[in-house]
Structures are given as C-alpha cells and as structure tokens.
Protein backbone atom coordinates (compact mmCIF):
# COMPACT_ATOMS: atom_id res chain seq x y z
CA MET A 1 -48.84 67.04 -7.15
CA ARG A 2 -45.32 66.23 -8.37
CA ILE A 3 -43.45 63.60 -6.34
CA THR A 4 -39.68 63.07 -6.32
CA ARG A 5 -37.38 61.83 -3.56
CA PHE A 6 -35.77 63.49 -0.54
CA THR A 7 -32.98 61.93 1.54
CA LYS A 8 -32.26 63.08 5.08
CA THR A 9 -28.94 62.10 6.64
CA TYR A 10 -28.19 61.47 10.31
CA ALA A 11 -25.00 61.53 12.34
CA THR A 12 -25.38 57.98 13.68
CA PRO A 13 -27.22 54.75 12.88
CA GLU A 14 -28.98 55.08 16.25
CA GLN A 15 -30.48 58.45 15.28
CA THR A 16 -31.57 57.02 11.95
CA ALA A 17 -33.25 54.03 13.57
CA ALA A 18 -34.98 56.23 16.14
CA ALA A 19 -36.42 58.53 13.46
CA ALA A 20 -37.63 55.51 11.47
CA ARG A 21 -39.33 54.01 14.55
CA HIS A 22 -40.97 57.36 15.33
CA TYR A 23 -42.25 57.52 11.75
CA SER A 24 -43.74 54.05 12.08
CA TRP A 25 -45.28 54.86 15.46
CA LEU A 26 -47.01 57.96 14.09
CA ALA A 27 -48.25 55.98 11.09
CA ALA A 28 -49.73 53.34 13.41
CA HIS A 29 -51.07 55.48 16.24
CA ALA A 30 -51.57 59.03 14.93
CA GLN A 31 -53.21 58.35 11.59
CA PRO A 32 -54.68 61.86 11.19
CA LEU A 33 -51.11 63.05 10.53
CA ARG A 34 -50.39 62.11 6.93
CA GLN A 35 -46.69 61.62 6.26
CA PRO A 36 -44.71 61.34 3.01
CA ALA A 37 -43.95 57.72 2.18
CA LEU A 38 -40.71 56.40 3.69
CA THR A 39 -39.12 54.49 0.82
CA VAL A 40 -35.60 53.57 1.95
CA ILE A 41 -34.02 53.16 5.40
CA GLY A 42 -30.23 53.35 5.12
CA PRO A 43 -27.56 53.05 7.82
CA ASN A 44 -27.37 56.84 8.20
CA SER A 45 -30.24 58.15 6.11
CA LEU A 46 -33.95 57.99 5.43
CA THR A 47 -35.39 58.55 1.96
CA PHE A 48 -38.92 59.89 1.58
CA GLU A 49 -41.14 60.84 -1.29
CA ARG A 50 -40.61 64.56 -1.78
CA ILE A 51 -43.81 66.56 -1.51
CA GLU A 52 -44.08 69.85 -3.36
CA GLY A 53 -46.07 72.41 -1.46
CA ARG A 54 -46.06 75.40 0.83
CA HIS A 55 -45.38 75.57 4.54
CA ALA A 56 -47.99 76.50 7.12
CA GLU A 57 -49.17 80.10 7.50
CA PRO A 58 -51.34 81.84 10.13
CA GLY A 59 -54.43 81.30 7.98
CA ASP A 60 -53.94 77.54 8.41
CA LEU A 61 -54.01 77.68 12.21
CA LEU A 62 -57.57 76.42 12.68
CA ARG A 63 -57.13 73.49 10.35
CA LEU A 64 -53.82 72.54 11.94
CA ALA A 65 -55.25 72.90 15.46
CA GLY A 66 -58.04 70.49 14.58
CA ARG A 67 -55.62 68.04 13.00
CA LEU A 68 -53.31 68.12 16.03
CA GLY A 69 -56.19 67.63 18.45
CA ASP A 70 -57.45 64.68 16.44
CA ALA A 71 -53.95 63.16 16.20
CA HIS A 72 -53.25 63.58 19.91
CA GLY A 73 -56.62 62.09 20.83
CA THR A 74 -56.12 59.18 18.44
CA ALA A 75 -52.66 58.43 19.84
CA TRP A 76 -53.90 58.59 23.44
CA ALA A 77 -56.73 56.18 22.71
CA SER A 78 -54.41 53.88 20.77
CA ASP A 79 -51.16 53.76 22.75
CA LEU A 80 -50.79 56.53 25.36
CA ARG A 81 -53.72 55.92 27.69
CA SER A 82 -51.59 54.49 30.53
CA VAL A 83 -48.37 56.45 29.91
CA SER A 84 -46.97 58.92 32.47
CA LEU A 85 -45.45 62.26 31.45
CA ASN A 86 -42.79 62.00 34.15
CA GLY A 87 -40.53 59.34 32.66
CA PRO A 88 -39.34 58.10 29.26
CA HIS A 89 -41.41 55.36 27.70
CA THR A 90 -40.47 52.50 25.39
CA PHE A 91 -43.38 51.26 23.31
CA ARG A 92 -44.05 47.73 22.17
CA ASP A 93 -42.60 48.46 18.73
CA GLY A 94 -39.31 49.71 20.23
CA ALA A 95 -40.02 53.40 19.78
CA LEU A 96 -38.58 55.43 22.66
CA PHE A 97 -40.14 58.74 23.66
CA GLY A 98 -38.23 60.96 26.04
CA ASP A 99 -40.14 62.22 29.05
CA TYR A 100 -41.61 65.70 29.21
CA LEU A 101 -39.51 67.09 32.05
CA ALA A 102 -35.90 65.96 31.83
CA VAL A 103 -34.92 67.25 28.39
CA ARG A 104 -36.67 70.58 28.97
CA LYS A 105 -35.04 71.12 32.35
CA VAL A 106 -31.67 70.76 30.66
CA ALA A 107 -32.72 73.14 27.88
CA LEU A 108 -34.00 75.80 30.30
CA ARG A 109 -30.74 75.74 32.27
CA ARG A 110 -28.89 76.15 29.00
CA ARG A 111 -31.03 79.18 28.14
CA LEU A 112 -29.73 80.87 31.29
CA GLU A 113 -26.14 80.11 30.25
CA GLN A 114 -26.87 81.49 26.78
CA GLY A 115 -28.32 84.72 28.15
CA HIS A 116 -31.93 84.06 27.14
CA LEU A 117 -33.02 84.19 30.78
CA PRO A 118 -31.93 87.20 32.83
CA ASP A 119 -31.04 85.48 36.10
CA ARG A 120 -31.56 82.43 38.30
CA ILE A 121 -34.82 83.84 39.62
CA ALA A 122 -36.24 83.67 36.08
CA LEU A 123 -34.81 80.17 35.64
CA HIS A 124 -36.49 79.04 38.86
CA ALA A 125 -39.76 80.52 37.62
CA MET A 126 -39.54 78.63 34.33
CA LEU A 127 -38.59 75.35 36.02
CA THR A 128 -41.54 75.77 38.38
CA LEU A 129 -43.82 76.48 35.43
CA LEU A 130 -42.55 73.38 33.66
CA GLU A 131 -43.18 71.19 36.72
CA ASN A 132 -46.67 72.63 37.12
CA THR A 133 -47.61 71.70 33.55
CA ALA A 134 -46.45 68.06 33.86
CA LYS A 135 -49.90 66.70 34.63
CA GLY A 136 -52.87 65.23 32.86
CA PRO A 137 -53.16 62.73 30.00
CA ALA A 138 -50.09 62.15 27.84
CA ALA A 139 -49.91 63.30 24.24
CA PHE A 140 -46.83 63.48 22.04
CA TYR A 141 -44.68 66.39 20.91
CA LYS A 142 -43.23 66.45 17.41
CA ASP A 143 -42.14 70.08 17.02
CA SER A 144 -45.15 71.48 15.18
CA ASN A 145 -43.43 74.47 13.63
CA PRO A 146 -44.64 75.83 10.26
CA ARG A 147 -41.79 74.15 8.34
CA ASN A 148 -42.97 70.74 9.49
CA PHE A 149 -46.27 71.02 7.64
CA LEU A 150 -46.76 71.10 3.89
CA PHE A 151 -49.90 71.93 1.93
CA THR A 152 -50.01 70.72 -1.65
CA ASP A 153 -51.74 72.62 -4.45
CA ASP A 154 -54.88 70.50 -3.98
CA GLY A 155 -54.97 71.25 -0.24
CA THR A 156 -53.63 67.94 1.04
CA LEU A 157 -51.82 68.36 4.36
CA PHE A 158 -48.60 66.48 5.12
CA THR A 159 -46.57 66.48 8.31
CA LEU A 160 -42.78 66.18 8.31
CA ASP A 161 -39.89 65.39 10.69
CA THR A 162 -39.95 62.53 13.20
CA ASP A 163 -36.48 63.07 14.67
CA ASP A 164 -37.22 64.15 18.24
CA LEU A 165 -40.58 62.91 19.44
CA THR A 166 -41.22 63.12 23.19
CA LEU A 167 -44.14 62.83 25.55
CA ALA A 168 -45.95 66.08 26.35
CA PRO A 169 -49.23 67.28 27.86
CA PHE A 170 -52.22 67.95 25.65
CA GLY A 171 -51.96 71.45 24.18
CA TYR A 172 -48.16 71.70 24.39
CA ASP A 173 -47.54 71.06 20.69
CA LEU A 174 -50.40 73.37 19.73
CA ALA A 175 -48.61 76.09 21.71
CA LYS A 176 -45.42 75.33 19.78
CA LEU A 177 -47.30 75.83 16.53
CA ILE A 178 -48.76 79.15 17.69
CA ALA A 179 -45.42 80.40 19.05
CA THR A 180 -43.50 79.55 15.90
CA LEU A 181 -46.18 80.95 13.58
CA ILE A 182 -45.82 84.22 15.50
CA MET A 183 -42.03 84.06 15.27
CA THR A 184 -42.27 83.36 11.53
CA CYS A 185 -45.10 85.61 10.40
CA GLY A 186 -45.75 88.13 13.17
CA PRO A 187 -48.44 88.61 15.83
CA ILE A 188 -51.61 86.53 15.99
CA GLY A 189 -54.55 88.14 17.78
CA PRO A 190 -56.02 86.65 20.98
CA PRO A 191 -59.38 85.80 19.32
CA ALA A 192 -57.60 83.65 16.71
CA ILE A 193 -55.63 81.87 19.44
CA ASP A 194 -58.80 81.27 21.45
CA GLU A 195 -60.54 79.85 18.39
CA ALA A 196 -57.59 77.57 17.64
CA LEU A 197 -57.62 76.27 21.22
CA SER A 198 -61.37 75.63 21.04
CA THR A 199 -60.93 73.74 17.77
CA TYR A 200 -58.10 71.68 19.25
CA ASN A 201 -60.11 70.83 22.34
CA GLU A 202 -63.15 69.86 20.33
CA ALA A 203 -61.08 67.51 18.15
CA ALA A 204 -59.23 65.94 21.08
CA GLY A 205 -62.38 65.68 23.19
CA ARG A 206 -64.10 63.53 20.57
CA HIS A 207 -61.78 60.72 21.67
CA HIS A 208 -62.44 61.13 25.42
CA SER A 209 -63.89 63.85 27.62
CA ARG A 210 -60.59 64.09 29.57
CA LEU A 211 -58.70 65.23 26.51
CA GLY A 212 -60.47 68.41 25.47
CA THR A 213 -59.84 70.41 28.64
CA THR A 214 -56.82 72.63 27.92
CA ASP A 215 -57.81 76.14 29.03
CA ARG A 216 -56.28 79.44 27.99
CA GLU A 217 -54.23 79.80 31.18
CA ARG A 218 -52.59 76.44 30.56
CA LEU A 219 -51.97 77.31 26.92
CA ASP A 220 -50.34 80.56 28.04
CA ASP A 221 -48.07 78.54 30.35
CA PHE A 222 -46.99 76.45 27.38
CA LEU A 223 -46.47 79.59 25.28
CA ALA A 224 -44.25 81.05 28.00
CA LEU A 225 -42.13 77.89 27.98
CA HIS A 226 -41.84 77.89 24.18
CA CYS A 227 -40.94 81.57 24.22
CA VAL A 228 -37.81 80.75 26.23
CA LEU A 229 -37.02 77.38 24.66
CA THR A 230 -37.10 78.76 21.10
CA ALA A 231 -35.27 82.02 21.91
CA PRO A 232 -31.89 80.89 20.48
CA TYR A 233 -33.47 80.33 17.07
CA THR A 234 -34.67 83.90 16.53
CA GLY A 235 -33.21 85.04 13.21
CA ARG A 236 -32.72 81.45 12.03
CA ASN A 237 -34.94 78.94 10.22
CA GLY A 238 -37.35 81.64 9.15
CA TYR A 239 -37.96 82.96 12.68
CA ARG A 240 -37.86 86.67 11.87
CA TYR A 241 -39.79 87.94 14.87
CA GLY A 242 -38.68 87.80 18.46
CA TRP A 243 -41.13 87.22 21.27
CA PRO A 244 -40.29 88.75 24.66
CA ILE A 245 -40.57 86.66 27.79
CA PRO A 246 -43.90 87.40 29.56
CA ARG A 247 -42.36 89.04 32.64
CA PRO A 248 -45.53 89.43 34.75
CA ARG A 249 -46.18 85.68 34.55
CA LEU A 250 -42.58 84.90 35.52
CA GLN A 251 -42.69 87.32 38.43
CA GLY A 252 -45.83 85.65 39.74
CA LEU A 253 -44.04 82.31 39.82
CA ALA A 254 -40.72 83.48 41.26
C-alpha cells in the first residue's frame, strides 16, 4: 500500500471545521469505519494520507453492509442512544449533525422545481414517505456511495468524506449505498439486496436488539427517497444508470 498526501479544500473555515469535527466524531464513535489519517487542519483545507485503492463495486455489498451495520450500532451505543431524529443535535465535542427531516424536505421541494418529480401530488407523496420513515433509533448518514469507500490491494477497507454528516434512521445509509451502486454499475437483484439487508441487521443487532429490525418494506421506502434525491446526479460522478421513481409506491401514498 503506497501512501502519499491528499488535500481537500473548502469554501469557508466553518465548513473546514465541521468536516474535521465529523472526522473526529466518527473516529471516536464509529470505530468500525477506518479512515485515512488526518494530518493537517488548515483554515480552508484538510490534508489526509492518500490511500491507493479501488472504489466499491456490487461484489463488495455484503462486506459493506456488515461494516455499516456494525458502525451504526457502535455509534448508537456510544453516543446516539438518546438522540432524536427530528431535530439537529450538537454533541459534547462540538460536532453538529443536521436532523433527518429538514434538509431532505428542502431537497425534495427542489427536486420538483428541477423537474425530477412530475407534480405536487408526487412531492406530497415523497414528503409523506419521508415523515413516515422518521422513527426508531438514530443512526448517522455519511453518504455511503461507492466513491466514498476504498479497498487497498491487501483488502483493507477505508471510508472517505466527512463533509455532510446528518442523523438518519437505521438502514437509510445502506439504502444510499445500494441505490448508488445500482446507478454506478447497473441493476442488483432482489436476493442480493435481501442478503445485504440481513447482513446489516445482524451486524447492527449485535449492539442491541432494537437496532437490527429494518425490514424490506422500510428499505424500499428509503430506496424510493434516494431515487428522487439523487436524480440530479445521473450522468455525473460515475452515475451512468438512471433509476425511475417507483410510481406504484408513490400512488399508494398520494
């Protein structure tokens, strides 16, 4: 494994400080997620060790699902046990996590303006779906797309990017991983998704019986949300495959 340096720049010192605090929070409370070493914190930049490796692929889904479940369970047991999904939360170390609902409500309304939702009936359906999923124990969301994981030649797994951590229900970030793997590499069969969910639940449930209870219907709700939220990025960032909005599910909620 060859290690060099990588510097990421930010628009403001506040964004830089937030990303650094998120990095430290994950290091303290989500130890199963191994991160590249953070070597320098500048006014508008963070410098990390640069890890040479490949990004995640569909064949990595089970391993990643287990790692996410373990990380979410670890974080809940360590620092999220009493946190509500319905409001932002400032942790003892100063890390601020946005709440699950507010930022996604804004994003869904923007998807209507951008033409990624057909009408206000569909927007209402998605907002209702979002509200319905805002329950249960709190995990964290860190945008688990394939680019934010690296596998080195010896199989070591690193996770990248701490810019925009928020609170989220258990299973939500697993759904983001599945959705973006599909958008990057093409369809993933239902049996593989079911197996990934089972692996995630088993890993999360080792930390508490409340945590390993995400069922397939709830995962499908999360996938429907990600389908809309990630729609503007189709054709960018390696997302070569579109994913149509699941109309029957939306119609049932309208």
